[in-house]
Full PDB file with SEQRES, HELIX, SHEET, SSBOND, CRYST1, ORIGX, SCALE, CONECT and MASTER records, all heavy atoms in Angstrom:
SEQRES   1 A   34  VAL PRO ALA TYR LEU PRO PRO LYS LEU LEU GLU LEU CYS          
SEQRES   2 A   34  ILE LEU LEU HIS SER LYS VAL LYS GLU PRO HIS VAL MET          
SEQRES   3 A   34  LEU ASP ILE GLY SER ASP TRP LEU                              
HELIX    1 AA1 PRO A    2  TYR A    4  5                                   3    
HELIX    2 AA2 PRO A    7  LYS A   19  1                                  13    
HELIX    3 AA3 PRO A   23  MET A   26  5                                   4    
HELIX    4 AA4 LEU A   27  TRP A   33  1                                   7    
CRYST1    1.000    1.000    1.000  90.00  90.00  90.00 P 1           1          
ORIGX1      1.000000  0.000000  0.000000        0.00000                         
ORIGX2      0.000000  1.000000  0.000000        0.00000                         
ORIGX3      0.000000  0.000000  1.000000        0.00000                         
SCALE1      1.000000  0.000000  0.000000        0.00000                         
SCALE2      0.000000  1.000000  0.000000        0.00000                         
SCALE3      0.000000  0.000000  1.000000        0.00000                         
ATOM      1  N   VAL A   1      41.612  46.008 -26.617  1.00  0.00           N  
ATOM      2  CA  VAL A   1      41.851  45.390 -27.932  1.00  0.00           C  
ATOM      3  C   VAL A   1      43.098  46.053 -28.535  1.00  0.00           C  
ATOM      4  O   VAL A   1      43.128  47.255 -28.722  1.00  0.00           O  
ATOM      5  CB  VAL A   1      40.649  45.580 -28.856  1.00  0.00           C  
ATOM      6  CG1 VAL A   1      40.902  44.936 -30.215  1.00  0.00           C  
ATOM      7  CG2 VAL A   1      39.392  44.971 -28.224  1.00  0.00           C  
ATOM      8  N   PRO A   2      44.172  45.299 -28.832  1.00  0.00           N  
ATOM      9  CA  PRO A   2      45.391  45.871 -29.390  1.00  0.00           C  
ATOM     10  C   PRO A   2      45.156  46.701 -30.644  1.00  0.00           C  
ATOM     11  O   PRO A   2      45.890  47.649 -30.888  1.00  0.00           O  
ATOM     12  CB  PRO A   2      46.284  44.658 -29.617  1.00  0.00           C  
ATOM     13  CG  PRO A   2      45.814  43.631 -28.662  1.00  0.00           C  
ATOM     14  CD  PRO A   2      44.318  43.844 -28.553  1.00  0.00           C  
ATOM     15  N   ALA A   3      44.190  46.312 -31.477  1.00  0.00           N  
ATOM     16  CA  ALA A   3      43.950  47.005 -32.698  1.00  0.00           C  
ATOM     17  C   ALA A   3      43.495  48.450 -32.449  1.00  0.00           C  
ATOM     18  O   ALA A   3      43.587  49.295 -33.344  1.00  0.00           O  
ATOM     19  CB  ALA A   3      42.897  46.280 -33.543  1.00  0.00           C  
ATOM     20  N   TYR A   4      43.007  48.705 -31.225  1.00  0.00           N  
ATOM     21  CA  TYR A   4      42.530  50.065 -30.909  1.00  0.00           C  
ATOM     22  C   TYR A   4      43.653  50.962 -30.332  1.00  0.00           C  
ATOM     23  O   TYR A   4      43.391  52.112 -30.012  1.00  0.00           O  
ATOM     24  CB  TYR A   4      41.387  50.025 -29.879  1.00  0.00           C  
ATOM     25  CG  TYR A   4      40.120  49.350 -30.416  1.00  0.00           C  
ATOM     26  CD1 TYR A   4      39.162  48.848 -29.525  1.00  0.00           C  
ATOM     27  CD2 TYR A   4      39.936  49.159 -31.767  1.00  0.00           C  
ATOM     28  CE1 TYR A   4      38.044  48.209 -29.995  1.00  0.00           C  
ATOM     29  CE2 TYR A   4      38.781  48.531 -32.241  1.00  0.00           C  
ATOM     30  CZ  TYR A   4      37.838  48.050 -31.358  1.00  0.00           C  
ATOM     31  OH  TYR A   4      36.713  47.427 -31.829  1.00  0.00           O  
ATOM     32  N   LEU A   5      44.827  50.409 -30.167  1.00  0.00           N  
ATOM     33  CA  LEU A   5      45.903  51.218 -29.615  1.00  0.00           C  
ATOM     34  C   LEU A   5      46.233  52.380 -30.497  1.00  0.00           C  
ATOM     35  O   LEU A   5      46.339  52.219 -31.721  1.00  0.00           O  
ATOM     36  CB  LEU A   5      47.161  50.375 -29.457  1.00  0.00           C  
ATOM     37  CG  LEU A   5      47.242  49.369 -28.284  1.00  0.00           C  
ATOM     38  CD1 LEU A   5      48.503  48.548 -28.391  1.00  0.00           C  
ATOM     39  CD2 LEU A   5      47.215  50.105 -26.947  1.00  0.00           C  
ATOM     40  N   PRO A   6      46.386  53.587 -29.957  1.00  0.00           N  
ATOM     41  CA  PRO A   6      46.884  54.698 -30.798  1.00  0.00           C  
ATOM     42  C   PRO A   6      48.279  54.377 -31.335  1.00  0.00           C  
ATOM     43  O   PRO A   6      49.057  53.695 -30.654  1.00  0.00           O  
ATOM     44  CB  PRO A   6      46.921  55.878 -29.834  1.00  0.00           C  
ATOM     45  CG  PRO A   6      45.992  55.475 -28.702  1.00  0.00           C  
ATOM     46  CD  PRO A   6      46.127  53.992 -28.602  1.00  0.00           C  
ATOM     47  N   PRO A   7      48.606  54.860 -32.552  1.00  0.00           N  
ATOM     48  CA  PRO A   7      49.928  54.547 -33.131  1.00  0.00           C  
ATOM     49  C   PRO A   7      51.082  54.909 -32.221  1.00  0.00           C  
ATOM     50  O   PRO A   7      52.064  54.169 -32.142  1.00  0.00           O  
ATOM     51  CB  PRO A   7      49.916  55.368 -34.424  1.00  0.00           C  
ATOM     52  CG  PRO A   7      48.447  55.549 -34.765  1.00  0.00           C  
ATOM     53  CD  PRO A   7      47.727  55.606 -33.466  1.00  0.00           C  
ATOM     54  N   LYS A   8      50.963  56.030 -31.524  1.00  0.00           N  
ATOM     55  CA  LYS A   8      52.087  56.439 -30.629  1.00  0.00           C  
ATOM     56  C   LYS A   8      52.333  55.443 -29.535  1.00  0.00           C  
ATOM     57  O   LYS A   8      53.503  55.154 -29.215  1.00  0.00           O  
ATOM     58  CB  LYS A   8      51.737  57.820 -29.996  1.00  0.00           C  
ATOM     59  CG  LYS A   8      52.890  58.396 -29.202  1.00  0.00           C  
ATOM     60  CD  LYS A   8      54.135  58.625 -30.045  1.00  0.00           C  
ATOM     61  CE  LYS A   8      55.251  59.284 -29.202  1.00  0.00           C  
ATOM     62  NZ  LYS A   8      56.491  59.470 -30.022  1.00  0.00           N  
ATOM     63  N   LEU A   9      51.294  54.864 -28.986  1.00  0.00           N  
ATOM     64  CA  LEU A   9      51.457  53.881 -27.896  1.00  0.00           C  
ATOM     65  C   LEU A   9      52.083  52.601 -28.386  1.00  0.00           C  
ATOM     66  O   LEU A   9      52.966  52.020 -27.777  1.00  0.00           O  
ATOM     67  CB  LEU A   9      50.133  53.614 -27.166  1.00  0.00           C  
ATOM     68  CG  LEU A   9      49.504  54.779 -26.429  1.00  0.00           C  
ATOM     69  CD1 LEU A   9      48.268  54.304 -25.677  1.00  0.00           C  
ATOM     70  CD2 LEU A   9      50.500  55.426 -25.494  1.00  0.00           C  
ATOM     71  N   LEU A  10      51.648  52.147 -29.582  1.00  0.00           N  
ATOM     72  CA  LEU A  10      52.226  50.954 -30.145  1.00  0.00           C  
ATOM     73  C   LEU A  10      53.704  51.180 -30.493  1.00  0.00           C  
ATOM     74  O   LEU A  10      54.553  50.294 -30.229  1.00  0.00           O  
ATOM     75  CB  LEU A  10      51.496  50.555 -31.430  1.00  0.00           C  
ATOM     76  CG  LEU A  10      51.982  49.278 -32.105  1.00  0.00           C  
ATOM     77  CD1 LEU A  10      51.787  48.072 -31.237  1.00  0.00           C  
ATOM     78  CD2 LEU A  10      51.295  49.113 -33.458  1.00  0.00           C  
ATOM     79  N   GLU A  11      54.020  52.340 -30.982  1.00  0.00           N  
ATOM     80  CA  GLU A  11      55.381  52.687 -31.266  1.00  0.00           C  
ATOM     81  C   GLU A  11      56.278  52.615 -30.030  1.00  0.00           C  
ATOM     82  O   GLU A  11      57.341  52.022 -30.000  1.00  0.00           O  
ATOM     83  CB  GLU A  11      55.485  54.081 -31.898  1.00  0.00           C  
ATOM     84  CG  GLU A  11      56.897  54.611 -32.115  1.00  0.00           C  
ATOM     85  CD  GLU A  11      56.917  56.040 -32.596  1.00  0.00           C  
ATOM     86  OE1 GLU A  11      55.859  56.586 -32.965  1.00  0.00           O  
ATOM     87  OE2 GLU A  11      58.007  56.633 -32.596  1.00  0.00           O  
ATOM     88  N   LEU A  12      55.774  53.201 -28.927  1.00  0.00           N  
ATOM     89  CA  LEU A  12      56.545  53.228 -27.708  1.00  0.00           C  
ATOM     90  C   LEU A  12      56.725  51.786 -27.109  1.00  0.00           C  
ATOM     91  O   LEU A  12      57.792  51.430 -26.618  1.00  0.00           O  
ATOM     92  CB  LEU A  12      55.847  54.103 -26.657  1.00  0.00           C  
ATOM     93  CG  LEU A  12      55.825  55.604 -26.964  1.00  0.00           C  
ATOM     94  CD1 LEU A  12      55.121  56.350 -25.864  1.00  0.00           C  
ATOM     95  CD2 LEU A  12      57.214  56.160 -27.207  1.00  0.00           C  
ATOM     96  N   CYS A  13      55.668  50.990 -27.196  1.00  0.00           N  
ATOM     97  CA  CYS A  13      55.772  49.615 -26.718  1.00  0.00           C  
ATOM     98  C   CYS A  13      56.768  48.795 -27.523  1.00  0.00           C  
ATOM     99  O   CYS A  13      57.531  48.000 -26.964  1.00  0.00           O  
ATOM    100  CB  CYS A  13      54.400  48.972 -26.721  1.00  0.00           C  
ATOM    101  SG  CYS A  13      53.241  49.592 -25.453  1.00  0.00           S  
ATOM    102  N   ILE A  14      56.763  48.968 -28.834  1.00  0.00           N  
ATOM    103  CA  ILE A  14      57.728  48.220 -29.656  1.00  0.00           C  
ATOM    104  C   ILE A  14      59.154  48.670 -29.355  1.00  0.00           C  
ATOM    105  O   ILE A  14      60.056  47.799 -29.172  1.00  0.00           O  
ATOM    106  CB  ILE A  14      57.404  48.469 -31.168  1.00  0.00           C  
ATOM    107  CG1 ILE A  14      56.136  47.783 -31.553  1.00  0.00           C  
ATOM    108  CG2 ILE A  14      58.574  47.980 -32.040  1.00  0.00           C  
ATOM    109  CD1 ILE A  14      55.700  48.059 -32.985  1.00  0.00           C  
ATOM    110  N   LEU A  15      59.381  49.966 -29.225  1.00  0.00           N  
ATOM    111  CA  LEU A  15      60.732  50.454 -28.942  1.00  0.00           C  
ATOM    112  C   LEU A  15      61.196  50.004 -27.530  1.00  0.00           C  
ATOM    113  O   LEU A  15      62.374  49.624 -27.367  1.00  0.00           O  
ATOM    114  CB  LEU A  15      60.765  51.995 -29.012  1.00  0.00           C  
ATOM    115  CG  LEU A  15      60.597  52.567 -30.432  1.00  0.00           C  
ATOM    116  CD1 LEU A  15      60.515  54.113 -30.332  1.00  0.00           C  
ATOM    117  CD2 LEU A  15      61.762  52.138 -31.305  1.00  0.00           C  
ATOM    118  N   LEU A  16      60.290  50.004 -26.583  1.00  0.00           N  
ATOM    119  CA  LEU A  16      60.644  49.596 -25.250  1.00  0.00           C  
ATOM    120  C   LEU A  16      61.068  48.136 -25.201  1.00  0.00           C  
ATOM    121  O   LEU A  16      62.131  47.793 -24.639  1.00  0.00           O  
ATOM    122  CB  LEU A  16      59.461  49.869 -24.271  1.00  0.00           C  
ATOM    123  CG  LEU A  16      59.618  49.231 -22.878  1.00  0.00           C  
ATOM    124  CD1 LEU A  16      60.793  49.894 -22.129  1.00  0.00           C  
ATOM    125  CD2 LEU A  16      58.317  49.404 -22.094  1.00  0.00           C  
ATOM    126  N   HIS A  17      60.235  47.265 -25.753  1.00  0.00           N  
ATOM    127  CA  HIS A  17      60.526  45.827 -25.682  1.00  0.00           C  
ATOM    128  C   HIS A  17      61.728  45.432 -26.577  1.00  0.00           C  
ATOM    129  O   HIS A  17      62.389  44.438 -26.323  1.00  0.00           O  
ATOM    130  CB  HIS A  17      59.279  45.008 -26.032  1.00  0.00           C  
ATOM    131  CG  HIS A  17      58.252  45.050 -24.982  1.00  0.00           C  
ATOM    132  ND1 HIS A  17      57.308  46.068 -24.886  1.00  0.00           N  
ATOM    133  CD2 HIS A  17      58.016  44.234 -23.907  1.00  0.00           C  
ATOM    134  CE1 HIS A  17      56.519  45.845 -23.827  1.00  0.00           C  
ATOM    135  NE2 HIS A  17      56.956  44.779 -23.205  1.00  0.00           N  
ATOM    136  N   SER A  18      61.978  46.270 -27.566  1.00  0.00           N  
ATOM    137  CA  SER A  18      63.218  46.061 -28.354  1.00  0.00           C  
ATOM    138  C   SER A  18      64.433  46.450 -27.523  1.00  0.00           C  
ATOM    139  O   SER A  18      65.475  45.754 -27.565  1.00  0.00           O  
ATOM    140  CB  SER A  18      63.131  46.903 -29.630  1.00  0.00           C  
ATOM    141  OG  SER A  18      64.371  46.859 -30.333  1.00  0.00           O  
ATOM    142  N   LYS A  19      64.301  47.522 -26.776  1.00  0.00           N  
ATOM    143  CA  LYS A  19      65.401  48.011 -25.977  1.00  0.00           C  
ATOM    144  C   LYS A  19      65.798  47.003 -24.879  1.00  0.00           C  
ATOM    145  O   LYS A  19      66.993  46.851 -24.564  1.00  0.00           O  
ATOM    146  CB  LYS A  19      65.028  49.356 -25.330  1.00  0.00           C  
ATOM    147  CG  LYS A  19      66.199  50.060 -24.673  1.00  0.00           C  
ATOM    148  CD  LYS A  19      67.165  50.584 -25.694  1.00  0.00           C  
ATOM    149  CE  LYS A  19      68.329  51.333 -25.033  1.00  0.00           C  
ATOM    150  NZ  LYS A  19      69.315  51.774 -26.064  1.00  0.00           N  
ATOM    151  N   VAL A  20      64.821  46.328 -24.322  1.00  0.00           N  
ATOM    152  CA  VAL A  20      65.079  45.399 -23.221  1.00  0.00           C  
ATOM    153  C   VAL A  20      65.224  43.943 -23.740  1.00  0.00           C  
ATOM    154  O   VAL A  20      65.205  42.999 -22.969  1.00  0.00           O  
ATOM    155  CB  VAL A  20      63.967  45.463 -22.148  1.00  0.00           C  
ATOM    156  CG1 VAL A  20      63.939  46.835 -21.500  1.00  0.00           C  
ATOM    157  CG2 VAL A  20      62.605  45.101 -22.716  1.00  0.00           C  
ATOM    158  N   LYS A  21      65.375  43.797 -25.057  1.00  0.00           N  
ATOM    159  CA  LYS A  21      65.644  42.480 -25.679  1.00  0.00           C  
ATOM    160  C   LYS A  21      64.510  41.468 -25.460  1.00  0.00           C  
ATOM    161  O   LYS A  21      64.707  40.306 -25.273  1.00  0.00           O  
ATOM    162  CB  LYS A  21      66.958  41.874 -25.148  1.00  0.00           C  
ATOM    163  CG  LYS A  21      68.153  42.816 -25.193  1.00  0.00           C  
ATOM    164  CD  LYS A  21      68.507  43.214 -26.615  1.00  0.00           C  
ATOM    165  CE  LYS A  21      69.771  44.089 -26.641  1.00  0.00           C  
ATOM    166  NZ  LYS A  21      70.060  44.573 -27.999  1.00  0.00           N  
ATOM    167  N   GLU A  22      63.263  41.973 -25.490  1.00  0.00           N  
ATOM    168  CA  GLU A  22      62.090  41.143 -25.399  1.00  0.00           C  
ATOM    169  C   GLU A  22      61.104  41.392 -26.537  1.00  0.00           C  
ATOM    170  O   GLU A  22      59.918  41.676 -26.296  1.00  0.00           O  
ATOM    171  CB  GLU A  22      61.377  41.339 -24.051  1.00  0.00           C  
ATOM    172  CG  GLU A  22      62.220  40.967 -22.796  1.00  0.00           C  
ATOM    173  CD  GLU A  22      62.339  39.468 -22.609  1.00  0.00           C  
ATOM    174  OE1 GLU A  22      61.606  38.722 -23.275  1.00  0.00           O  
ATOM    175  OE2 GLU A  22      63.192  39.066 -21.825  1.00  0.00           O  
ATOM    176  N   PRO A  23      61.595  41.337 -27.801  1.00  0.00           N  
ATOM    177  CA  PRO A  23      60.672  41.714 -28.903  1.00  0.00           C  
ATOM    178  C   PRO A  23      59.524  40.731 -29.096  1.00  0.00           C  
ATOM    179  O   PRO A  23      58.496  41.121 -29.653  1.00  0.00           O  
ATOM    180  CB  PRO A  23      61.602  41.721 -30.103  1.00  0.00           C  
ATOM    181  CG  PRO A  23      62.718  40.754 -29.732  1.00  0.00           C  
ATOM    182  CD  PRO A  23      62.922  40.945 -28.260  1.00  0.00           C  
ATOM    183  N   HIS A  24      59.717  39.487 -28.661  1.00  0.00           N  
ATOM    184  CA  HIS A  24      58.626  38.484 -28.897  1.00  0.00           C  
ATOM    185  C   HIS A  24      57.333  38.855 -28.170  1.00  0.00           C  
ATOM    186  O   HIS A  24      56.245  38.418 -28.589  1.00  0.00           O  
ATOM    187  CB  HIS A  24      59.089  37.127 -28.418  1.00  0.00           C  
ATOM    188  CG  HIS A  24      59.410  37.092 -26.941  1.00  0.00           C  
ATOM    189  ND1 HIS A  24      60.551  37.608 -26.397  1.00  0.00           N  
ATOM    190  CD2 HIS A  24      58.700  36.600 -25.901  1.00  0.00           C  
ATOM    191  CE1 HIS A  24      60.535  37.421 -25.067  1.00  0.00           C  
ATOM    192  NE2 HIS A  24      59.408  36.785 -24.771  1.00  0.00           N  
ATOM    193  N   VAL A  25      57.408  39.684 -27.125  1.00  0.00           N  
ATOM    194  CA  VAL A  25      56.213  40.085 -26.400  1.00  0.00           C  
ATOM    195  C   VAL A  25      55.301  40.898 -27.335  1.00  0.00           C  
ATOM    196  O   VAL A  25      54.086  40.836 -27.159  1.00  0.00           O  
ATOM    197  CB  VAL A  25      56.599  40.915 -25.152  1.00  0.00           C  
ATOM    198  CG1 VAL A  25      55.356  41.487 -24.462  1.00  0.00           C  
ATOM    199  CG2 VAL A  25      57.404  40.058 -24.196  1.00  0.00           C  
ATOM    200  N   MET A  26      55.887  41.600 -28.280  1.00  0.00           N  
ATOM    201  CA  MET A  26      55.087  42.451 -29.175  1.00  0.00           C  
ATOM    202  C   MET A  26      54.717  41.758 -30.486  1.00  0.00           C  
ATOM    203  O   MET A  26      54.083  42.369 -31.344  1.00  0.00           O  
ATOM    204  CB  MET A  26      55.897  43.724 -29.496  1.00  0.00           C  
ATOM    205  CG  MET A  26      56.117  44.655 -28.305  1.00  0.00           C  
ATOM    206  SD  MET A  26      54.581  45.190 -27.582  1.00  0.00           S  
ATOM    207  CE  MET A  26      53.757  46.000 -28.964  1.00  0.00           C  
ATOM    208  N   LEU A  27      55.103  40.488 -30.628  1.00  0.00           N  
ATOM    209  CA  LEU A  27      54.867  39.810 -31.943  1.00  0.00           C  
ATOM    210  C   LEU A  27      53.415  39.747 -32.301  1.00  0.00           C  
ATOM    211  O   LEU A  27      53.005  40.222 -33.396  1.00  0.00           O  
ATOM    212  CB  LEU A  27      55.483  38.430 -31.857  1.00  0.00           C  
ATOM    213  CG  LEU A  27      55.399  37.613 -33.124  1.00  0.00           C  
ATOM    214  CD1 LEU A  27      56.178  38.286 -34.252  1.00  0.00           C  
ATOM    215  CD2 LEU A  27      55.977  36.191 -32.925  1.00  0.00           C  
ATOM    216  N   ASP A  28      52.577  39.148 -31.452  1.00  0.00           N  
ATOM    217  CA  ASP A  28      51.158  39.018 -31.793  1.00  0.00           C  
ATOM    218  C   ASP A  28      50.417  40.354 -31.723  1.00  0.00           C  
ATOM    219  O   ASP A  28      49.536  40.620 -32.558  1.00  0.00           O  
ATOM    220  CB  ASP A  28      50.527  38.043 -30.829  1.00  0.00           C  
ATOM    221  CG  ASP A  28      50.873  36.626 -31.121  1.00  0.00           C  
ATOM    222  OD1 ASP A  28      51.327  36.334 -32.277  1.00  0.00           O  
ATOM    223  OD2 ASP A  28      50.745  35.765 -30.228  1.00  0.00           O  
ATOM    224  N   ILE A  29      50.769  41.199 -30.745  1.00  0.00           N  
ATOM    225  CA  ILE A  29      50.083  42.467 -30.593  1.00  0.00           C  
ATOM    226  C   ILE A  29      50.357  43.385 -31.784  1.00  0.00           C  
ATOM    227  O   ILE A  29      49.414  43.991 -32.315  1.00  0.00           O  
ATOM    228  CB  ILE A  29      50.490  43.128 -29.277  1.00  0.00           C  
ATOM    229  CG1 ILE A  29      49.925  42.266 -28.092  1.00  0.00           C  
ATOM    230  CG2 ILE A  29      49.980  44.558 -29.184  1.00  0.00           C  
ATOM    231  CD1 ILE A  29      50.367  42.716 -26.770  1.00  0.00           C  
ATOM    232  N   GLY A  30      51.607  43.448 -32.192  1.00  0.00           N  
ATOM    233  CA  GLY A  30      51.944  44.293 -33.361  1.00  0.00           C  
ATOM    234  C   GLY A  30      51.299  43.777 -34.592  1.00  0.00           C  
ATOM    235  O   GLY A  30      50.791  44.534 -35.442  1.00  0.00           O  
ATOM    236  N   SER A  31      51.266  42.459 -34.761  1.00  0.00           N  
ATOM    237  CA  SER A  31      50.654  41.804 -35.928  1.00  0.00           C  
ATOM    238  C   SER A  31      49.164  42.105 -35.961  1.00  0.00           C  
ATOM    239  O   SER A  31      48.598  42.413 -37.026  1.00  0.00           O  
ATOM    240  CB  SER A  31      50.917  40.312 -35.936  1.00  0.00           C  
ATOM    241  OG  SER A  31      50.319  39.691 -37.042  1.00  0.00           O  
ATOM    242  N   ASP A  32      48.498  41.989 -34.840  1.00  0.00           N  
ATOM    243  CA  ASP A  32      47.065  42.249 -34.786  1.00  0.00           C  
ATOM    244  C   ASP A  32      46.777  43.701 -35.198  1.00  0.00           C  
ATOM    245  O   ASP A  32      45.812  43.982 -35.935  1.00  0.00           O  
ATOM    246  CB  ASP A  32      46.543  42.007 -33.378  1.00  0.00           C  
ATOM    247  CG  ASP A  32      46.363  40.525 -33.097  1.00  0.00           C  
ATOM    248  OD1 ASP A  32      46.567  39.718 -33.987  1.00  0.00           O  
ATOM    249  OD2 ASP A  32      46.074  40.226 -31.930  1.00  0.00           O  
ATOM    250  N   TRP A  33      47.574  44.609 -34.704  1.00  0.00           N  
ATOM    251  CA  TRP A  33      47.376  46.042 -34.998  1.00  0.00           C  
ATOM    252  C   TRP A  33      47.571  46.308 -36.491  1.00  0.00           C  
ATOM    253  O   TRP A  33      46.787  47.014 -37.128  1.00  0.00           O  
ATOM    254  CB  TRP A  33      48.324  46.900 -34.180  1.00  0.00           C  
ATOM    255  CG  TRP A  33      47.989  48.348 -34.196  1.00  0.00           C  
ATOM    256  CD1 TRP A  33      47.274  49.011 -33.227  1.00  0.00           C  
ATOM    257  CD2 TRP A  33      48.340  49.336 -35.167  1.00  0.00           C  
ATOM    258  NE1 TRP A  33      47.159  50.356 -33.548  1.00  0.00           N  
ATOM    259  CE2 TRP A  33      47.808  50.556 -34.774  1.00  0.00           C  
ATOM    260  CE3 TRP A  33      49.052  49.287 -36.371  1.00  0.00           C  
ATOM    261  CZ2 TRP A  33      47.954  51.775 -35.465  1.00  0.00           C  
ATOM    262  CZ3 TRP A  33      49.215  50.467 -37.090  1.00  0.00           C  
ATOM    263  CH2 TRP A  33      48.672  51.687 -36.673  1.00  0.00           C  
ATOM    264  N   LEU A  34      48.609  45.758 -37.078  1.00  0.00           N  
ATOM    265  CA  LEU A  34      48.906  45.985 -38.457  1.00  0.00           C  
ATOM    266  C   LEU A  34      47.933  45.324 -39.405  1.00  0.00           C  
ATOM    267  O   LEU A  34      47.689  45.843 -40.511  1.00  0.00           O  
ATOM    268  CB  LEU A  34      50.319  45.493 -38.783  1.00  0.00           C  
ATOM    269  CG  LEU A  34      51.472  46.255 -38.126  1.00  0.00           C  
ATOM    270  CD1 LEU A  34      52.803  45.590 -38.332  1.00  0.00           C  
ATOM    271  CD2 LEU A  34      51.523  47.719 -38.642  1.00  0.00           C  
TER     272      LEU A  34                                                      
MASTER        0    0    0    4    0    0    0    6  271    1    0    3          
END                                                                             
């Protein structure tokens, strides 16, 4: 469940997919967590 992700892991996943120009992959997952 994405809402259970530790903050550090979510942070790393957002930064990674931003770096590789694929931010849309984190759209729903980040929204669910927040």
